Amino acid sequence: MTFILARTVVLLIMARRIPNLYLFLRDTHVHHLNYGIFLLAAVGAYLLFRAPTGNSARRAAFAYGIAMALTFDEFGMWLHLGGSYWQRASIDATAVVAAFLALIAYARSIRTFESRHVRACIALAVALLVFGAALYDASIHIGNVQGPRLRELELASSP
């Protein structure tokens, strides 16, 4: 859900459907990858020094999942800091398709799910639909809004 929310917000910002919510320190854009890294460090420290059990451990696992989603959402930046946003769109589309196929794969066993599992599947399906719509809408607008600027940045940063 965090991955889908992060991608949806980025797409909506780039398509100028919502205000720019990015954090900038002077002229540097702080990517949400960094939020994930700091949250991973905080959760790791909490687990190491507090050794929680029960509900505290579940909350830590939940925060860890959010941190991992924020970090892996920017996985391309782990390997290469340049590149256009269009390369990311294919990764986004792949993730949406993979999540949709996973929902289909587990649909047969949904009868054995507890009510909370059913609610989670429904929430994921709704989030995927919203994300798919945002991805489609943004893909129409991003080329006109950001395309020329991204091409300039790529040309300027290539050797």
Protein backbone atom coordinates (compact mmCIF):
# COMPACT_ATOMS: atom_id res chain seq x y z
CA MET A 1 0.00 0.00 0.00
CA THR A 2 2.86 2.39 0.79
CA PHE A 3 4.46 1.71 -2.59
CA ILE A 4 1.18 2.40 -4.38
CA LEU A 5 0.54 5.55 -2.37
CA ALA A 6 4.08 6.87 -2.99
CA ARG A 7 3.90 6.18 -6.73
CA THR A 8 0.42 7.72 -6.98
CA VAL A 9 1.52 10.91 -5.21
CA VAL A 10 4.63 11.21 -7.42
CA LEU A 11 2.59 10.70 -10.59
CA LEU A 12 -0.01 13.24 -9.53
CA ILE A 13 2.67 15.81 -8.67
CA MET A 14 4.46 15.29 -11.99
CA ALA A 15 1.17 15.59 -13.88
CA ARG A 16 0.48 18.78 -11.89
CA ARG A 17 -2.78 17.36 -10.54
CA ILE A 18 -1.75 18.14 -6.95
CA PRO A 19 0.68 20.71 -5.50
CA ASN A 20 4.38 19.92 -5.30
CA LEU A 21 4.75 18.15 -1.94
CA TYR A 22 8.42 17.27 -2.39
CA LEU A 23 10.84 18.23 0.35
CA PHE A 24 13.70 20.41 -0.85
CA LEU A 25 16.77 21.35 1.17
CA ARG A 26 18.00 24.40 -0.67
CA ASP A 27 18.02 23.15 -4.28
CA THR A 28 18.24 19.44 -3.44
CA HIS A 29 15.16 17.24 -3.76
CA VAL A 30 15.04 14.82 -0.82
CA HIS A 31 13.63 11.61 -2.31
CA HIS A 32 11.36 9.40 -0.23
CA LEU A 33 14.08 6.75 -0.46
CA ASN A 34 15.75 8.73 2.31
CA TYR A 35 12.65 8.63 4.49
CA GLY A 36 12.67 4.85 4.09
CA ILE A 37 16.33 4.60 5.03
CA PHE A 38 15.89 6.69 8.17
CA LEU A 39 12.76 4.75 9.15
CA LEU A 40 14.62 1.45 8.60
CA ALA A 41 17.40 2.70 10.86
CA ALA A 42 14.93 3.80 13.53
CA VAL A 43 13.00 0.51 13.45
CA GLY A 44 16.25 -1.46 13.52
CA ALA A 45 17.45 0.49 16.56
CA TYR A 46 14.08 0.03 18.28
CA LEU A 47 14.16 -3.71 17.65
CA LEU A 48 17.76 -3.97 18.77
CA PHE A 49 17.52 -1.95 21.95
CA ARG A 50 13.95 -2.66 23.06
CA ALA A 51 13.36 -6.23 21.79
CA PRO A 52 9.57 -5.72 21.64
CA THR A 53 6.99 -8.50 21.79
CA GLY A 54 3.29 -8.76 21.03
CA ASN A 55 1.59 -5.64 19.67
CA SER A 56 4.79 -3.59 19.88
CA ALA A 57 6.55 -6.10 17.62
CA ARG A 58 3.60 -6.02 15.19
CA ARG A 59 3.72 -2.22 15.04
CA ALA A 60 7.48 -2.37 14.45
CA ALA A 61 6.92 -4.87 11.63
CA PHE A 62 4.30 -2.55 10.13
CA ALA A 63 6.72 0.41 10.26
CA TYR A 64 9.44 -1.80 8.78
CA GLY A 65 7.15 -2.67 5.86
CA ILE A 66 6.44 1.01 5.22
CA ALA A 67 10.17 1.78 5.31
CA MET A 68 10.96 -1.05 2.91
CA ALA A 69 8.29 0.15 0.47
CA LEU A 70 9.66 3.70 0.52
CA THR A 71 13.18 2.40 -0.03
CA PHE A 72 12.42 -0.17 -2.73
CA ASP A 73 10.13 2.26 -4.53
CA GLU A 74 13.30 4.15 -5.45
CA PHE A 75 15.31 0.99 -6.17
CA GLY A 76 16.49 2.39 -9.52
CA MET A 77 18.33 5.11 -7.60
CA TRP A 78 20.35 2.47 -5.76
CA LEU A 79 22.03 1.57 -9.02
CA HIS A 80 21.88 4.71 -11.14
CA LEU A 81 21.11 8.24 -10.06
CA GLY A 82 20.33 9.49 -13.56
CA GLY A 83 17.77 8.32 -16.07
CA SER A 84 14.40 9.60 -16.97
CA TYR A 85 11.16 9.15 -15.18
CA TRP A 86 9.91 7.14 -18.15
CA GLN A 87 12.19 4.29 -17.14
CA ARG A 88 10.37 4.32 -13.81
CA ALA A 89 6.97 4.09 -15.48
CA SER A 90 7.76 0.61 -16.76
CA ILE A 91 8.76 -0.47 -13.26
CA ASP A 92 5.53 1.00 -11.89
CA ALA A 93 3.44 -0.78 -14.48
CA THR A 94 5.22 -4.06 -13.75
CA ALA A 95 4.53 -3.69 -10.05
CA VAL A 96 0.84 -3.01 -10.69
CA VAL A 97 0.54 -6.06 -12.95
CA ALA A 98 2.40 -8.25 -10.44
CA ALA A 99 0.16 -7.11 -7.59
CA PHE A 100 -2.95 -7.72 -9.70
CA LEU A 101 -1.77 -11.21 -10.60
CA ALA A 102 -1.00 -11.92 -6.94
CA LEU A 103 -4.56 -10.91 -6.05
CA ILE A 104 -5.89 -13.28 -8.69
CA ALA A 105 -3.61 -16.08 -7.47
CA TYR A 106 -4.95 -15.78 -3.92
CA ALA A 107 -8.58 -15.16 -4.90
CA ARG A 108 -9.39 -18.88 -4.85
CA SER A 109 -8.33 -19.27 -1.24
CA ILE A 110 -10.11 -16.10 -0.12
CA ARG A 111 -12.92 -18.20 1.41
CA THR A 112 -10.47 -19.30 4.12
CA PHE A 113 -9.39 -15.76 4.88
CA GLU A 114 -10.42 -14.03 8.06
CA SER A 115 -12.42 -10.83 7.65
CA ARG A 116 -9.30 -8.68 8.13
CA HIS A 117 -7.61 -10.49 5.23
CA VAL A 118 -10.61 -9.89 2.99
CA ARG A 119 -10.59 -6.19 3.92
CA ALA A 120 -6.87 -6.00 3.14
CA CYS A 121 -7.42 -7.60 -0.29
CA ILE A 122 -10.26 -5.20 -1.04
CA ALA A 123 -8.13 -2.22 0.05
CA LEU A 124 -5.27 -3.43 -2.15
CA ALA A 125 -7.58 -3.90 -5.13
CA VAL A 126 -9.01 -0.38 -4.70
CA ALA A 127 -5.51 1.07 -4.31
CA LEU A 128 -4.38 -0.71 -7.48
CA LEU A 129 -7.34 0.70 -9.41
CA VAL A 130 -6.63 4.23 -8.18
CA PHE A 131 -2.93 3.84 -8.92
CA GLY A 132 -3.64 2.48 -12.40
CA ALA A 133 -5.92 5.43 -13.12
CA ALA A 134 -3.31 7.89 -11.81
CA LEU A 135 -0.57 6.21 -13.87
CA TYR A 136 -2.68 6.41 -17.01
CA ASP A 137 -3.69 10.03 -16.38
CA ALA A 138 -0.14 11.07 -15.52
CA SER A 139 1.35 9.35 -18.55
CA ILE A 140 -0.77 11.57 -20.76
CA HIS A 141 0.35 14.77 -19.03
CA ILE A 142 3.92 14.04 -17.96
CA GLY A 143 5.28 14.03 -21.50
CA ASN A 144 4.13 17.58 -22.09
CA VAL A 145 4.93 18.88 -18.62
CA GLN A 146 8.21 17.16 -17.70
CA GLY A 147 9.39 15.45 -20.90
CA PRO A 148 11.51 18.27 -22.37
CA ARG A 149 13.08 19.06 -18.98
CA LEU A 150 13.88 15.39 -18.30
CA ARG A 151 15.48 15.03 -21.73
CA GLU A 152 17.64 18.10 -21.04
CA LEU A 153 18.71 16.70 -17.67
CA GLU A 154 19.59 13.34 -19.20
CA LEU A 155 21.62 14.92 -22.00
CA ALA A 156 23.43 17.18 -19.54
CA SER A 157 24.32 14.30 -17.20
CA SER A 158 25.37 11.75 -19.84
CA PRO A 159 29.13 11.42 -20.46
